[in-house]
């Protein structure tokens, strides 16, 4: 029993560490995420818009969101069909058309004192060698970048801030697009590992207690 009593504070400390670790990890970033439309679904872009050279007929999306990583970022909402977005923009030799879905996010994602504009879908006609950033600049200025070339604002939104760290201790705003399957982010390993540590400590306490009773008997 003595060993169990001595180990009890250790168990409590371990539990407190787990709780604190969970709270410390509840942080994310407020930023413009960049998406590509593939097979009727949104895919998080692996390159920045300045590096991507989309083909004619491509649909891309930008979503202002708060998230810790790609799996946590909100996908663009609204119409994402090239034929609909670019219906009034005919093809032209020497140029290409790129459909852009601009989702300014939700009020919960907005910086303090700002309100997100209505989301929109626009068609950019740009030179054949233009990047996604060029297409965006053609239809959604003014754009704002920081000194590291991180995209901070589209159409002037937000007015300030750029990729700042914020708390994510609230309901996620990364709602899936209507009609598309939710992405599987997988279970967090933090809790199972923590429970395993606590169970290991408890087992050690019981084993030590039995050992002492056997030795004294």
Protein backbone atom coordinates (compact mmCIF):
# COMPACT_ATOMS: atom_id res chain seq x y z
CA UNK A 1 0.00 0.00 0.00
CA UNK A 2 2.92 2.33 0.74
CA UNK A 3 4.21 1.96 -2.80
CA UNK A 4 0.78 2.71 -4.20
CA UNK A 5 0.48 5.83 -2.06
CA UNK A 6 3.92 6.98 -3.14
CA UNK A 7 3.09 6.42 -6.79
CA UNK A 8 -0.31 8.15 -6.68
CA UNK A 9 1.21 11.66 -6.92
CA UNK A 10 3.22 10.48 -9.93
CA UNK A 11 0.03 9.29 -11.63
CA UNK A 12 -1.69 12.60 -10.93
CA UNK A 13 1.32 14.49 -12.29
CA UNK A 14 1.30 12.37 -15.42
CA UNK A 15 -2.37 13.10 -15.99
CA UNK A 16 -1.80 16.81 -15.51
CA UNK A 17 1.03 16.72 -18.03
CA UNK A 18 -1.28 15.07 -20.56
CA UNK A 19 -3.97 17.70 -20.06
CA UNK A 20 -1.48 20.55 -20.33
CA UNK A 21 0.09 19.05 -23.43
CA UNK A 22 -3.33 18.84 -25.08
CA UNK A 23 -4.08 22.45 -24.27
CA UNK A 24 -0.65 23.63 -25.42
CA UNK A 25 -1.20 21.93 -28.78
CA UNK A 26 -4.51 23.71 -29.41
CA UNK A 27 -2.95 26.38 -31.61
CA UNK A 28 -3.12 27.09 -35.30
CA UNK A 29 -2.55 29.83 -37.84
CA UNK A 30 -4.82 32.31 -39.60
CA UNK A 31 -3.93 32.32 -43.28
CA UNK A 32 -5.01 31.98 -46.92
CA UNK A 33 -4.91 28.31 -47.93
CA UNK A 34 -4.45 27.34 -51.59
CA UNK A 35 -6.38 24.47 -53.22
CA UNK A 36 -6.57 22.69 -56.58
CA UNK A 37 -9.66 21.05 -58.03
CA UNK A 38 -8.94 17.43 -58.98
CA UNK A 39 -11.50 14.81 -59.92
CA UNK A 40 -14.37 16.88 -58.57
CA UNK A 41 -12.74 17.34 -55.15
CA UNK A 42 -10.49 19.90 -53.52
CA UNK A 43 -6.85 18.95 -52.93
CA UNK A 44 -4.53 21.02 -50.77
CA UNK A 45 -1.85 22.47 -53.07
CA UNK A 46 1.70 21.25 -52.49
CA UNK A 47 3.21 24.39 -54.05
CA UNK A 48 2.55 28.07 -53.63
CA UNK A 49 0.46 29.96 -56.24
CA UNK A 50 3.56 31.70 -57.61
CA UNK A 51 5.07 28.31 -58.53
CA UNK A 52 2.01 26.71 -60.18
CA UNK A 53 1.34 27.17 -63.91
CA UNK A 54 -2.29 26.05 -64.40
CA UNK A 55 -3.65 24.85 -67.73
CA UNK A 56 -6.63 26.34 -69.49
CA UNK A 57 -9.78 24.98 -67.86
CA UNK A 58 -8.23 24.63 -64.39
CA UNK A 59 -10.21 25.46 -61.25
CA UNK A 60 -8.34 26.58 -58.14
CA UNK A 61 -9.49 27.85 -54.77
CA UNK A 62 -8.33 30.14 -51.99
CA UNK A 63 -9.85 29.88 -48.50
CA UNK A 64 -9.13 32.14 -45.55
CA UNK A 65 -9.01 29.77 -42.62
CA UNK A 66 -7.66 28.94 -39.20
CA UNK A 67 -5.92 25.61 -38.87
CA UNK A 68 -2.89 23.80 -37.54
CA UNK A 69 -2.07 21.98 -40.79
CA UNK A 70 -3.44 20.97 -44.19
CA UNK A 71 -5.79 18.39 -42.67
CA UNK A 72 -7.29 21.05 -40.43
CA UNK A 73 -7.71 23.78 -43.07
CA UNK A 74 -11.14 24.74 -44.36
CA UNK A 75 -11.83 23.92 -48.01
CA UNK A 76 -13.31 26.47 -50.43
CA UNK A 77 -17.11 26.49 -50.54
CA UNK A 78 -19.52 27.35 -53.33
CA UNK A 79 -19.62 26.70 -57.08
CA UNK A 80 -16.47 25.03 -58.37
CA UNK A 81 -17.39 24.09 -61.94
CA UNK A 82 -15.23 25.60 -64.69
CA UNK A 83 -18.08 25.67 -67.20
CA UNK A 84 -20.16 27.75 -64.81
CA UNK A 85 -17.39 30.05 -63.59
CA UNK A 86 -16.02 30.85 -67.05
CA UNK A 87 -19.28 30.65 -69.04
CA UNK A 88 -18.98 34.31 -70.08
CA UNK A 89 -15.25 34.22 -70.81
CA UNK A 90 -14.61 32.65 -74.23
CA UNK A 91 -11.29 31.07 -75.15
CA UNK A 92 -8.77 33.31 -76.86
CA UNK A 93 -5.55 32.47 -78.70
CA UNK A 94 -2.38 33.09 -76.70
CA UNK A 95 -4.22 33.06 -73.36
CA UNK A 96 -5.82 30.65 -70.91
CA UNK A 97 -8.73 30.75 -68.51
CA UNK A 98 -8.51 29.80 -64.85
CA UNK A 99 -11.59 29.50 -62.65
CA UNK A 100 -10.96 30.83 -59.14
CA UNK A 101 -13.12 30.24 -56.08
CA UNK A 102 -12.42 32.87 -53.43
CA UNK A 103 -13.73 31.96 -49.99
CA UNK A 104 -13.09 34.65 -47.38
CA UNK A 105 -13.93 32.31 -44.51
CA UNK A 106 -16.32 32.64 -41.62
CA UNK A 107 -16.73 35.37 -38.98
CA UNK A 108 -15.11 32.98 -36.49
CA UNK A 109 -11.96 32.92 -38.65
CA UNK A 110 -11.85 36.69 -39.15
CA UNK A 111 -9.31 38.87 -37.34
CA UNK A 112 -10.72 41.04 -34.58
CA UNK A 113 -12.74 43.97 -35.92
CA UNK A 114 -13.04 42.58 -39.47
CA UNK A 115 -15.88 40.88 -41.34
CA UNK A 116 -15.28 38.50 -44.25
CA UNK A 117 -16.63 39.55 -47.66
CA UNK A 118 -19.04 37.26 -49.53
CA UNK A 119 -17.32 34.36 -51.25
CA UNK A 120 -17.12 34.61 -55.02
CA UNK A 121 -16.14 32.66 -58.12
CA UNK A 122 -14.33 34.52 -60.92
CA UNK A 123 -12.75 33.64 -64.24
CA UNK A 124 -9.26 34.94 -64.95
CA UNK A 125 -8.02 35.15 -68.52
CA UNK A 126 -4.25 35.46 -68.45
CA UNK A 127 -1.25 34.76 -70.75
CA UNK A 128 -0.53 31.09 -71.42
CA UNK A 129 2.58 31.08 -69.22
CA UNK A 130 0.95 32.87 -66.26
CA UNK A 131 1.10 31.45 -62.74
CA UNK A 132 -1.79 30.99 -60.34
CA UNK A 133 -0.59 34.11 -58.53
CA UNK A 134 -0.81 36.05 -61.82
CA UNK A 135 -4.35 34.81 -62.35
CA UNK A 136 -5.31 35.82 -58.83
CA UNK A 137 -3.80 39.29 -59.25
CA UNK A 138 -5.74 39.78 -62.49
CA UNK A 139 -9.16 39.43 -60.85
CA UNK A 140 -8.82 39.79 -57.06
CA UNK A 141 -6.53 42.70 -56.28
CA UNK A 142 -5.24 44.27 -54.25
CA UNK A 143 -3.10 41.42 -52.97
CA UNK A 144 -0.81 41.76 -49.98
CA UNK A 145 2.33 39.73 -49.33
CA UNK A 146 4.79 39.73 -46.45
CA UNK A 147 8.58 39.93 -46.74
CA UNK A 148 8.76 36.13 -47.12
CA UNK A 149 6.33 36.19 -50.09
CA UNK A 150 3.53 34.69 -47.99
CA UNK A 151 0.09 35.65 -49.34
CA UNK A 152 -1.53 37.76 -46.62
CA UNK A 153 -4.58 39.37 -48.25
CA UNK A 154 -6.84 38.86 -51.28
CA UNK A 155 -9.00 41.75 -52.47
CA UNK A 156 -7.66 43.67 -49.50
CA UNK A 157 -8.87 41.12 -46.95
CA UNK A 158 -7.84 40.99 -44.21
CA UNK A 159 -6.60 44.53 -43.74
CA UNK A 160 -3.86 43.48 -41.36
CA UNK A 161 -2.12 40.40 -40.04
CA UNK A 162 -0.39 37.58 -41.86
CA UNK A 163 -0.16 33.95 -40.75
CA UNK A 164 -0.39 34.84 -37.07
CA UNK A 165 -0.69 32.08 -34.49
CA UNK A 166 -4.11 31.83 -32.85
CA UNK A 167 -5.96 29.53 -30.49
CA UNK A 168 -8.05 26.75 -32.03
CA UNK A 169 -9.94 25.90 -28.81
CA UNK A 170 -13.27 26.17 -30.58
CA UNK A 171 -15.42 24.22 -33.00
CA UNK A 172 -13.53 23.58 -36.24
CA UNK A 173 -14.52 25.71 -39.23
CA UNK A 174 -13.06 23.23 -41.70
CA UNK A 175 -16.49 22.05 -42.82
CA UNK A 176 -16.46 19.73 -45.83
CA UNK A 177 -17.86 20.87 -49.15
CA UNK A 178 -21.48 19.88 -49.59
CA UNK A 179 -21.73 16.54 -51.33
CA UNK A 180 -18.07 15.58 -50.90
CA UNK A 181 -16.67 13.06 -48.41
CA UNK A 182 -14.92 14.24 -45.30
CA UNK A 183 -11.18 13.73 -45.17
CA UNK A 184 -9.91 11.28 -42.59
CA UNK A 185 -7.36 12.98 -40.41
CA UNK A 186 -6.87 9.84 -38.30
CA UNK A 187 -6.88 9.51 -34.53
CA UNK A 188 -4.50 11.49 -32.38
CA UNK A 189 -1.77 9.36 -30.81
CA UNK A 190 -1.29 11.68 -27.86
CA UNK A 191 -4.12 10.31 -25.73
CA UNK A 192 -3.46 6.57 -26.31
CA UNK A 193 0.24 7.01 -25.56
CA UNK A 194 -0.54 9.03 -22.45
CA UNK A 195 -2.99 6.44 -21.19
CA UNK A 196 -0.34 3.79 -21.79
CA UNK A 197 2.17 5.72 -19.66
CA UNK A 198 -0.30 6.08 -16.80
CA UNK A 199 -1.19 2.37 -17.01
CA UNK A 200 2.50 1.47 -16.95
CA UNK A 201 3.06 3.55 -13.82
CA UNK A 202 0.04 2.00 -12.14
CA UNK A 203 1.26 -1.50 -12.98
CA UNK A 204 4.68 -0.72 -11.57
CA UNK A 205 3.14 0.49 -8.32
CA UNK A 206 1.07 -2.68 -7.91
CA UNK A 207 4.02 -4.92 -8.72
CA UNK A 208 6.23 -3.12 -6.23
CA UNK A 209 3.55 -3.35 -3.52
CA UNK A 210 3.15 -7.12 -4.01
CA UNK A 211 6.90 -7.61 -4.00
CA UNK A 212 7.22 -5.87 -0.63
CA UNK A 213 4.33 -7.86 0.86
CA UNK A 214 5.92 -11.13 -0.26
CA UNK A 215 9.27 -10.09 1.15
CA UNK A 216 7.76 -9.14 4.51
CA UNK A 217 5.72 -12.37 4.65
